[in-house]
Amino acid sequence: MSSTLVLENLVRIFEPGTVNEKVALDHLSLSVPAGQFVTVLGSNGSGKSTMFNLILGNQYPDEGRIILGDREITRMKDYRRAYDIGCLYQNPLRGTAPNLTLEENLALAYTRKASPSFFALNRRDSAYFREVLSRLGMGLEDRMKTKMGLLSGGQRQAASLVMATIAEPELLLLDEHTAALDPGAAEKVMELTRKIVEEKKITTLMVTHDMDYALEYGERTILLDSGKIRMDISGEERKNMTPGQLAELFYSRTRRRKSG
């Protein structure tokens, strides 16, 4: 079941008090209702990766709180958050075991939620995995016994997306998960993303540099710059906006910040 995500006045400063001090997040606040799909824009150094790292527990904020559903997770260990937060990265092999088969990778991801104390692969689970893959229409059900490292980039990323969501997490984080794929594979993975998120109603944050994707997917788009949210659009405003208009807003607001 998906959950509301609340980021409350998050501050993260690297090397404070030195000449290399960098304010990565500057009292950032964001509330994402349960089941909402939000696309995230931002240039390099805008705070996107830091925001994801704080949500995942890879880092802790200097100030502020993170709430997922009815629990504060601000300083919860990362391995405990992993039961409820799925994440997919740009590298199609990150977070997978390349020398295990697709079926075995799915079993590891499924077991993490269903029974985190042991690894088990049985006929019932195998049949369920095949059914899930078959519904996706990408032919992956015929590659169940293939090692992950031998799948194509698009197939690996599609499989990784299934792994990130098969245990039905409360929150899904997508960090430019199609950036390393060729255009055809990227489109297939994006459509698969839409299908899974809509069917499972997973609260989702997706970082992208693609203005088309930022408007085509999800129902809300935010812009991060210098550790703050500078733009938050949804509804009719977003629906009527073109990628060109969004790009102009993006560059005008980041330029204005830099010139100031």
C-alpha atoms as a PDB file:
ATOM      1  CA  MET A   1       0.000   0.000   0.000  1.00  0.00           C
ATOM      2  CA  SER A   2       1.396   3.381  -0.992  1.00  0.00           C
ATOM      3  CA  SER A   3       1.973   6.094   1.589  1.00  0.00           C
ATOM      4  CA  THR A   4       2.195   9.855   1.816  1.00  0.00           C
ATOM      5  CA  LEU A   5       5.760  11.203   1.786  1.00  0.00           C
ATOM      6  CA  VAL A   6       6.529  14.384   3.724  1.00  0.00           C
ATOM      7  CA  LEU A   7       9.884  16.164   3.640  1.00  0.00           C
ATOM      8  CA  GLU A   8       9.900  18.880   6.279  1.00  0.00           C
ATOM      9  CA  ASN A   9      12.512  21.683   6.226  1.00  0.00           C
ATOM     10  CA  LEU A  10      15.383  19.422   5.197  1.00  0.00           C
ATOM     11  CA  VAL A  11      18.868  20.899   5.466  1.00  0.00           C
ATOM     12  CA  ARG A  12      22.016  19.130   4.306  1.00  0.00           C
ATOM     13  CA  ILE A  13      25.371  20.911   4.273  1.00  0.00           C
ATOM     14  CA  PHE A  14      28.610  19.303   3.140  1.00  0.00           C
ATOM     15  CA  GLU A  15      31.937  20.398   4.676  1.00  0.00           C
ATOM     16  CA  PRO A  16      30.330  23.129   6.818  1.00  0.00           C
ATOM     17  CA  GLY A  17      32.535  25.957   8.019  1.00  0.00           C
ATOM     18  CA  THR A  18      35.171  25.393   5.335  1.00  0.00           C
ATOM     19  CA  VAL A  19      35.951  27.107   2.035  1.00  0.00           C
ATOM     20  CA  ASN A  20      34.359  24.066   0.359  1.00  0.00           C
ATOM     21  CA  GLU A  21      31.047  24.407   2.191  1.00  0.00           C
ATOM     22  CA  LYS A  22      28.150  23.314  -0.003  1.00  0.00           C
ATOM     23  CA  VAL A  23      24.490  23.721   0.927  1.00  0.00           C
ATOM     24  CA  ALA A  24      22.903  20.770  -0.868  1.00  0.00           C
ATOM     25  CA  LEU A  25      19.416  21.164   0.611  1.00  0.00           C
ATOM     26  CA  ASP A  26      18.209  24.505   1.966  1.00  0.00           C
ATOM     27  CA  HIS A  27      15.119  23.981   4.169  1.00  0.00           C
ATOM     28  CA  LEU A  28      13.463  21.881   1.480  1.00  0.00           C
ATOM     29  CA  SER A  29       9.835  20.937   2.129  1.00  0.00           C
ATOM     30  CA  LEU A  30       7.663  18.682  -0.006  1.00  0.00           C
ATOM     31  CA  SER A  31       4.442  16.740   0.547  1.00  0.00           C
ATOM     32  CA  VAL A  32       3.493  13.954  -1.863  1.00  0.00           C
ATOM     33  CA  PRO A  33       0.052  12.363  -1.327  1.00  0.00           C
ATOM     34  CA  ALA A  34      -0.249   8.590  -1.361  1.00  0.00           C
ATOM     35  CA  GLY A  35      -0.255   7.254  -4.919  1.00  0.00           C
ATOM     36  CA  GLN A  36       0.893  10.472  -6.599  1.00  0.00           C
ATOM     37  CA  PHE A  37       3.497  10.282  -9.389  1.00  0.00           C
ATOM     38  CA  VAL A  38       5.830  13.317  -9.341  1.00  0.00           C
ATOM     39  CA  THR A  39       8.514  14.084 -11.918  1.00  0.00           C
ATOM     40  CA  VAL A  40      11.580  15.959 -10.666  1.00  0.00           C
ATOM     41  CA  LEU A  41      13.720  18.345 -12.707  1.00  0.00           C
ATOM     42  CA  GLY A  42      16.986  19.958 -11.690  1.00  0.00           C
ATOM     43  CA  SER A  43      20.443  20.706 -13.026  1.00  0.00           C
ATOM     44  CA  ASN A  44      23.594  19.070 -11.647  1.00  0.00           C
ATOM     45  CA  GLY A  45      24.125  20.138  -8.057  1.00  0.00           C
ATOM     46  CA  SER A  46      20.511  21.182  -7.551  1.00  0.00           C
ATOM     47  CA  GLY A  47      19.956  18.735  -4.680  1.00  0.00           C
ATOM     48  CA  LYS A  48      18.153  15.869  -6.429  1.00  0.00           C
ATOM     49  CA  SER A  49      20.611  13.122  -5.466  1.00  0.00           C
ATOM     50  CA  THR A  50      20.929  14.436  -1.918  1.00  0.00           C
ATOM     51  CA  MET A  51      17.146  14.431  -1.530  1.00  0.00           C
ATOM     52  CA  PHE A  52      16.988  10.802  -2.686  1.00  0.00           C
ATOM     53  CA  ASN A  53      19.909   9.818  -0.434  1.00  0.00           C
ATOM     54  CA  LEU A  54      18.166  11.309   2.611  1.00  0.00           C
ATOM     55  CA  ILE A  55      14.923   9.512   1.768  1.00  0.00           C
ATOM     56  CA  LEU A  56      16.785   6.215   1.319  1.00  0.00           C
ATOM     57  CA  GLY A  57      18.812   6.663   4.511  1.00  0.00           C
ATOM     58  CA  ASN A  58      22.176   6.731   2.742  1.00  0.00           C
ATOM     59  CA  GLN A  59      22.705  10.078   4.471  1.00  0.00           C
ATOM     60  CA  TYR A  60      20.993  11.904   7.329  1.00  0.00           C
ATOM     61  CA  PRO A  61      19.822  15.540   7.268  1.00  0.00           C
ATOM     62  CA  ASP A  62      21.427  18.194   9.446  1.00  0.00           C
ATOM     63  CA  GLU A  63      17.950  19.539  10.144  1.00  0.00           C
ATOM     64  CA  GLY A  64      14.373  18.584   9.327  1.00  0.00           C
ATOM     65  CA  ARG A  65      12.220  15.468   9.248  1.00  0.00           C
ATOM     66  CA  ILE A  66      11.172  12.746   6.790  1.00  0.00           C
ATOM     67  CA  ILE A  67       7.811  11.057   7.266  1.00  0.00           C
ATOM     68  CA  LEU A  68       6.557   8.071   5.266  1.00  0.00           C
ATOM     69  CA  GLY A  69       2.944   7.194   5.982  1.00  0.00           C
ATOM     70  CA  ASP A  70       2.490   7.368   9.732  1.00  0.00           C
ATOM     71  CA  ARG A  71       6.173   6.863  10.609  1.00  0.00           C
ATOM     72  CA  GLU A  72       9.047   9.274  10.944  1.00  0.00           C
ATOM     73  CA  ILE A  73      12.021   7.694   9.162  1.00  0.00           C
ATOM     74  CA  THR A  74      14.495  10.601   9.411  1.00  0.00           C
ATOM     75  CA  ARG A  75      17.187   8.540  11.121  1.00  0.00           C
ATOM     76  CA  MET A  76      15.942   5.045  10.425  1.00  0.00           C
ATOM     77  CA  LYS A  77      18.682   2.714   9.115  1.00  0.00           C
ATOM     78  CA  ASP A  78      18.775   2.309   5.349  1.00  0.00           C
ATOM     79  CA  TYR A  79      18.267  -1.471   5.426  1.00  0.00           C
ATOM     80  CA  ARG A  80      15.033  -1.024   7.371  1.00  0.00           C
ATOM     81  CA  ARG A  81      13.713   1.524   4.879  1.00  0.00           C
ATOM     82  CA  ALA A  82      14.516  -0.868   2.016  1.00  0.00           C
ATOM     83  CA  TYR A  83      11.479  -2.969   2.941  1.00  0.00           C
ATOM     84  CA  ASP A  84       9.171  -0.069   2.067  1.00  0.00           C
ATOM     85  CA  ILE A  85      11.093   1.958  -0.534  1.00  0.00           C
ATOM     86  CA  GLY A  86      11.904   0.707  -4.024  1.00  0.00           C
ATOM     87  CA  CYS A  87      14.630   2.456  -6.003  1.00  0.00           C
ATOM     88  CA  LEU A  88      15.867   2.239  -9.574  1.00  0.00           C
ATOM     89  CA  TYR A  89      19.046   3.891 -10.861  1.00  0.00           C
ATOM     90  CA  GLN A  90      20.506   4.888 -14.222  1.00  0.00           C
ATOM     91  CA  ASN A  91      22.834   1.865 -14.349  1.00  0.00           C
ATOM     92  CA  PRO A  92      20.739  -1.163 -15.408  1.00  0.00           C
ATOM     93  CA  LEU A  93      22.851  -3.514 -13.268  1.00  0.00           C
ATOM     94  CA  ARG A  94      22.916  -1.503 -10.061  1.00  0.00           C
ATOM     95  CA  GLY A  95      20.996  -3.254  -7.311  1.00  0.00           C
ATOM     96  CA  THR A  96      20.926  -6.616  -9.111  1.00  0.00           C
ATOM     97  CA  ALA A  97      23.007  -9.804  -8.974  1.00  0.00           C
ATOM     98  CA  PRO A  98      24.342 -10.264 -12.552  1.00  0.00           C
ATOM     99  CA  ASN A  99      25.445 -13.851 -11.994  1.00  0.00           C
ATOM    100  CA  LEU A 100      22.040 -14.959 -10.737  1.00  0.00           C
ATOM    101  CA  THR A 101      19.157 -15.669 -13.087  1.00  0.00           C
ATOM    102  CA  LEU A 102      16.270 -13.273 -13.580  1.00  0.00           C
ATOM    103  CA  GLU A 103      14.090 -15.670 -11.585  1.00  0.00           C
ATOM    104  CA  GLU A 104      16.568 -15.727  -8.700  1.00  0.00           C
ATOM    105  CA  ASN A 105      16.846 -11.924  -8.698  1.00  0.00           C
ATOM    106  CA  LEU A 106      13.058 -11.635  -8.539  1.00  0.00           C
ATOM    107  CA  ALA A 107      12.984 -14.125  -5.671  1.00  0.00           C
ATOM    108  CA  LEU A 108      15.508 -12.048  -3.734  1.00  0.00           C
ATOM    109  CA  ALA A 109      13.452  -8.885  -4.260  1.00  0.00           C
ATOM    110  CA  TYR A 110      10.174 -10.618  -3.376  1.00  0.00           C
ATOM    111  CA  THR A 111      11.581 -12.370  -0.321  1.00  0.00           C
ATOM    112  CA  ARG A 112      12.898  -9.051   1.024  1.00  0.00           C
ATOM    113  CA  LYS A 113       9.313  -8.059   1.757  1.00  0.00           C
ATOM    114  CA  ALA A 114       7.529 -11.349   2.191  1.00  0.00           C
ATOM    115  CA  SER A 115      10.060 -12.960   4.521  1.00  0.00           C
ATOM    116  CA  PRO A 116      13.313 -11.018   4.968  1.00  0.00           C
ATOM    117  CA  SER A 117      14.926 -13.655   7.184  1.00  0.00           C
ATOM    118  CA  PHE A 118      15.614 -16.180   4.430  1.00  0.00           C
ATOM    119  CA  PHE A 119      15.883 -16.703   0.682  1.00  0.00           C
ATOM    120  CA  ALA A 120      13.437 -19.129  -0.875  1.00  0.00           C
ATOM    121  CA  LEU A 121      12.467 -19.960  -4.425  1.00  0.00           C
ATOM    122  CA  ASN A 122       9.538 -22.326  -4.855  1.00  0.00           C
ATOM    123  CA  ARG A 123       7.179 -23.357  -7.634  1.00  0.00           C
ATOM    124  CA  ARG A 124       4.375 -21.105  -6.446  1.00  0.00           C
ATOM    125  CA  ASP A 125       6.628 -18.042  -6.447  1.00  0.00           C
ATOM    126  CA  SER A 126       8.121 -19.035  -9.801  1.00  0.00           C
ATOM    127  CA  ALA A 127       4.649 -19.268 -11.331  1.00  0.00           C
ATOM    128  CA  TYR A 128       3.769 -15.876  -9.848  1.00  0.00           C
ATOM    129  CA  PHE A 129       6.926 -14.282 -11.287  1.00  0.00           C
ATOM    130  CA  ARG A 130       6.144 -15.725 -14.719  1.00  0.00           C
ATOM    131  CA  GLU A 131       2.598 -14.353 -14.515  1.00  0.00           C
ATOM    132  CA  VAL A 132       3.846 -10.885 -13.526  1.00  0.00           C
ATOM    133  CA  LEU A 133       6.410 -10.802 -16.343  1.00  0.00           C
ATOM    134  CA  SER A 134       3.904 -12.123 -18.869  1.00  0.00           C
ATOM    135  CA  ARG A 135       1.499  -9.246 -18.149  1.00  0.00           C
ATOM    136  CA  LEU A 136       4.240  -6.757 -19.058  1.00  0.00           C
ATOM    137  CA  GLY A 137       4.350  -7.918 -22.676  1.00  0.00           C
ATOM    138  CA  MET A 138       8.159  -7.709 -23.043  1.00  0.00           C
ATOM    139  CA  GLY A 139       8.949 -11.421 -23.393  1.00  0.00           C
ATOM    140  CA  LEU A 140      10.829 -11.540 -20.110  1.00  0.00           C
ATOM    141  CA  GLU A 141       8.822 -14.557 -18.944  1.00  0.00           C
ATOM    142  CA  ASP A 142      10.845 -16.574 -21.462  1.00  0.00           C
ATOM    143  CA  ARG A 143      14.133 -15.365 -19.941  1.00  0.00           C
ATOM    144  CA  MET A 144      13.489 -16.527 -16.372  1.00  0.00           C
ATOM    145  CA  LYS A 145      16.511 -18.832 -16.374  1.00  0.00           C
ATOM    146  CA  THR A 146      18.821 -16.293 -18.040  1.00  0.00           C
ATOM    147  CA  LYS A 147      21.476 -14.607 -15.920  1.00  0.00           C
ATOM    148  CA  MET A 148      20.747 -10.916 -15.367  1.00  0.00           C
ATOM    149  CA  GLY A 149      24.155  -9.958 -16.766  1.00  0.00           C
ATOM    150  CA  LEU A 150      23.258 -11.513 -20.130  1.00  0.00           C
ATOM    151  CA  LEU A 151      20.055  -9.538 -20.668  1.00  0.00           C
ATOM    152  CA  SER A 152      20.073  -6.447 -22.877  1.00  0.00           C
ATOM    153  CA  GLY A 153      20.171  -3.037 -21.225  1.00  0.00           C
ATOM    154  CA  GLY A 154      16.459  -2.472 -21.752  1.00  0.00           C
ATOM    155  CA  GLN A 155      15.565  -5.947 -20.497  1.00  0.00           C
ATOM    156  CA  ARG A 156      17.748  -5.506 -17.405  1.00  0.00           C
ATOM    157  CA  GLN A 157      16.147  -2.174 -16.587  1.00  0.00           C
ATOM    158  CA  ALA A 158      12.651  -3.573 -17.119  1.00  0.00           C
ATOM    159  CA  ALA A 159      13.539  -6.501 -14.873  1.00  0.00           C
ATOM    160  CA  SER A 160      15.029  -4.130 -12.288  1.00  0.00           C
ATOM    161  CA  LEU A 161      11.798  -2.126 -12.309  1.00  0.00           C
ATOM    162  CA  VAL A 162       9.829  -5.296 -11.625  1.00  0.00           C
ATOM    163  CA  MET A 163      12.264  -6.145  -8.810  1.00  0.00           C
ATOM    164  CA  ALA A 164      11.822  -2.685  -7.283  1.00  0.00           C
ATOM    165  CA  THR A 165       8.031  -2.995  -7.265  1.00  0.00           C
ATOM    166  CA  ILE A 166       7.194  -6.708  -6.955  1.00  0.00           C
ATOM    167  CA  ALA A 167       7.003  -6.452  -3.165  1.00  0.00           C
ATOM    168  CA  GLU A 168       4.642  -3.460  -3.530  1.00  0.00           C
ATOM    169  CA  PRO A 169       6.677  -0.772  -1.749  1.00  0.00           C
ATOM    170  CA  GLU A 170       5.079   2.289  -0.178  1.00  0.00           C
ATOM    171  CA  LEU A 171       7.358   4.573  -2.186  1.00  0.00           C
ATOM    172  CA  LEU A 172       9.256   4.274  -5.478  1.00  0.00           C
ATOM    173  CA  LEU A 173      12.271   6.434  -6.372  1.00  0.00           C
ATOM    174  CA  LEU A 174      13.411   6.533 -10.019  1.00  0.00           C
ATOM    175  CA  ASP A 175      16.775   8.204 -10.590  1.00  0.00           C
ATOM    176  CA  GLU A 176      17.027   8.855 -14.347  1.00  0.00           C
ATOM    177  CA  HIS A 177      16.317   5.176 -14.855  1.00  0.00           C
ATOM    178  CA  THR A 178      16.114   5.391 -18.673  1.00  0.00           C
ATOM    179  CA  ALA A 179      19.029   7.792 -19.292  1.00  0.00           C
ATOM    180  CA  ALA A 180      21.481   5.020 -20.247  1.00  0.00           C
ATOM    181  CA  LEU A 181      19.113   3.286 -22.682  1.00  0.00           C
ATOM    182  CA  ASP A 182      18.651   3.750 -26.410  1.00  0.00           C
ATOM    183  CA  PRO A 183      15.462   5.657 -27.361  1.00  0.00           C
ATOM    184  CA  GLY A 184      13.455   2.561 -28.232  1.00  0.00           C
ATOM    185  CA  ALA A 185      14.291   0.736 -25.015  1.00  0.00           C
ATOM    186  CA  ALA A 186      13.752   3.920 -22.991  1.00  0.00           C
ATOM    187  CA  GLU A 187      10.224   4.302 -24.363  1.00  0.00           C
ATOM    188  CA  LYS A 188       9.376   0.690 -23.510  1.00  0.00           C
ATOM    189  CA  VAL A 189      10.697   1.044 -19.952  1.00  0.00           C
ATOM    190  CA  MET A 190       8.826   4.332 -19.491  1.00  0.00           C
ATOM    191  CA  GLU A 191       5.555   2.785 -20.622  1.00  0.00           C
ATOM    192  CA  LEU A 192       6.229  -0.129 -18.292  1.00  0.00           C
ATOM    193  CA  THR A 193       6.861   2.395 -15.512  1.00  0.00           C
ATOM    194  CA  ARG A 194       3.518   4.074 -16.176  1.00  0.00           C
ATOM    195  CA  LYS A 195       1.702   0.751 -16.211  1.00  0.00           C
ATOM    196  CA  ILE A 196       3.197  -0.537 -12.955  1.00  0.00           C
ATOM    197  CA  VAL A 197       2.823   2.740 -11.049  1.00  0.00           C
ATOM    198  CA  GLU A 198      -0.793   3.173 -12.132  1.00  0.00           C
ATOM    199  CA  GLU A 199      -1.765  -0.444 -11.428  1.00  0.00           C
ATOM    200  CA  LYS A 200      -0.113  -0.578  -8.011  1.00  0.00           C
ATOM    201  CA  LYS A 201      -0.834   3.085  -7.185  1.00  0.00           C
ATOM    202  CA  ILE A 202       2.691   3.552  -5.816  1.00  0.00           C
ATOM    203  CA  THR A 203       3.778   6.966  -4.541  1.00  0.00           C
ATOM    204  CA  THR A 204       6.565   7.822  -6.994  1.00  0.00           C
ATOM    205  CA  LEU A 205       9.319  10.408  -7.456  1.00  0.00           C
ATOM    206  CA  MET A 206      11.071  10.275 -10.844  1.00  0.00           C
ATOM    207  CA  VAL A 207      14.162  12.352 -11.604  1.00  0.00           C
ATOM    208  CA  THR A 208      14.536  13.136 -15.301  1.00  0.00           C
ATOM    209  CA  HIS A 209      16.304  15.606 -17.580  1.00  0.00           C
ATOM    210  CA  ASP A 210      13.831  14.931 -20.391  1.00  0.00           C
ATOM    211  CA  MET A 211      11.253  17.733 -20.653  1.00  0.00           C
ATOM    212  CA  ASP A 212       8.865  15.492 -22.591  1.00  0.00           C
ATOM    213  CA  TYR A 213       8.970  12.804 -19.907  1.00  0.00           C
ATOM    214  CA  ALA A 214       8.594  15.427 -17.178  1.00  0.00           C
ATOM    215  CA  LEU A 215       5.179  16.381 -18.572  1.00  0.00           C
ATOM    216  CA  GLU A 216       4.040  13.126 -20.167  1.00  0.00           C
ATOM    217  CA  TYR A 217       4.341  10.981 -17.055  1.00  0.00           C
ATOM    218  CA  GLY A 218       2.827  11.457 -13.640  1.00  0.00           C
ATOM    219  CA  GLU A 219       0.542  14.296 -12.578  1.00  0.00           C
ATOM    220  CA  ARG A 220       2.907  16.818 -11.004  1.00  0.00           C
ATOM    221  CA  THR A 221       6.309  18.311 -11.870  1.00  0.00           C
ATOM    222  CA  ILE A 222       8.711  20.043  -9.493  1.00  0.00           C
ATOM    223  CA  LEU A 223      11.952  21.906 -10.156  1.00  0.00           C
ATOM    224  CA  LEU A 224      14.859  21.803  -7.706  1.00  0.00           C
ATOM    225  CA  ASP A 225      17.538  24.482  -7.759  1.00  0.00           C
ATOM    226  CA  SER A 226      20.165  25.272  -5.114  1.00  0.00           C
ATOM    227  CA  GLY A 227      18.519  22.894  -2.679  1.00  0.00           C
ATOM    228  CA  LYS A 228      15.034  24.398  -2.863  1.00  0.00           C
ATOM    229  CA  ILE A 229      11.868  23.758  -4.840  1.00  0.00           C
ATOM    230  CA  ARG A 230      11.564  26.660  -7.278  1.00  0.00           C
ATOM    231  CA  MET A 231       8.582  25.404  -9.266  1.00  0.00           C
ATOM    232  CA  ASP A 232       5.680  23.064  -8.528  1.00  0.00           C
ATOM    233  CA  ILE A 233       3.097  22.595 -11.288  1.00  0.00           C
ATOM    234  CA  SER A 234       0.101  20.298 -11.649  1.00  0.00           C
ATOM    235  CA  GLY A 235      -3.488  20.306 -12.866  1.00  0.00           C
ATOM    236  CA  GLU A 236      -4.481  22.432 -15.850  1.00  0.00           C
ATOM    237  CA  GLU A 237      -1.270  24.461 -15.752  1.00  0.00           C
ATOM    238  CA  ARG A 238       0.793  21.346 -16.284  1.00  0.00           C
ATOM    239  CA  LYS A 239      -1.662  19.796 -18.736  1.00  0.00           C
ATOM    240  CA  ASN A 240      -1.538  22.858 -21.001  1.00  0.00           C
ATOM    241  CA  MET A 241       2.234  23.323 -20.816  1.00  0.00           C
ATOM    242  CA  THR A 242       4.470  22.268 -23.714  1.00  0.00           C
ATOM    243  CA  PRO A 243       7.971  20.793 -23.269  1.00  0.00           C
ATOM    244  CA  GLY A 244       9.358  23.982 -24.813  1.00  0.00           C
ATOM    245  CA  GLN A 245       7.555  26.159 -22.277  1.00  0.00           C
ATOM    246  CA  LEU A 246       8.759  23.940 -19.457  1.00  0.00           C
ATOM    247  CA  ALA A 247      12.340  24.150 -20.732  1.00  0.00           C
ATOM    248  CA  GLU A 248      12.119  27.945 -20.846  1.00  0.00           C
ATOM    249  CA  LEU A 249      10.809  28.026 -17.266  1.00  0.00           C
ATOM    250  CA  PHE A 250      13.574  25.659 -16.194  1.00  0.00           C
ATOM    251  CA  TYR A 251      16.388  27.677 -17.730  1.00  0.00           C
ATOM    252  CA  SER A 252      14.973  31.080 -16.793  1.00  0.00           C
ATOM    253  CA  ARG A 253      14.615  30.139 -13.133  1.00  0.00           C
ATOM    254  CA  THR A 254      18.023  28.508 -12.859  1.00  0.00           C
ATOM    255  CA  ARG A 255      19.657  31.436 -14.698  1.00  0.00           C
ATOM    256  CA  ARG A 256      17.899  33.939 -12.447  1.00  0.00           C
ATOM    257  CA  ARG A 257      19.163  32.123  -9.396  1.00  0.00           C
ATOM    258  CA  LYS A 258      22.741  32.012 -10.668  1.00  0.00           C
ATOM    259  CA  SER A 259      22.770  35.687 -11.683  1.00  0.00           C
ATOM    260  CA  GLY A 260      21.416  36.718  -8.291  1.00  0.00           C
END
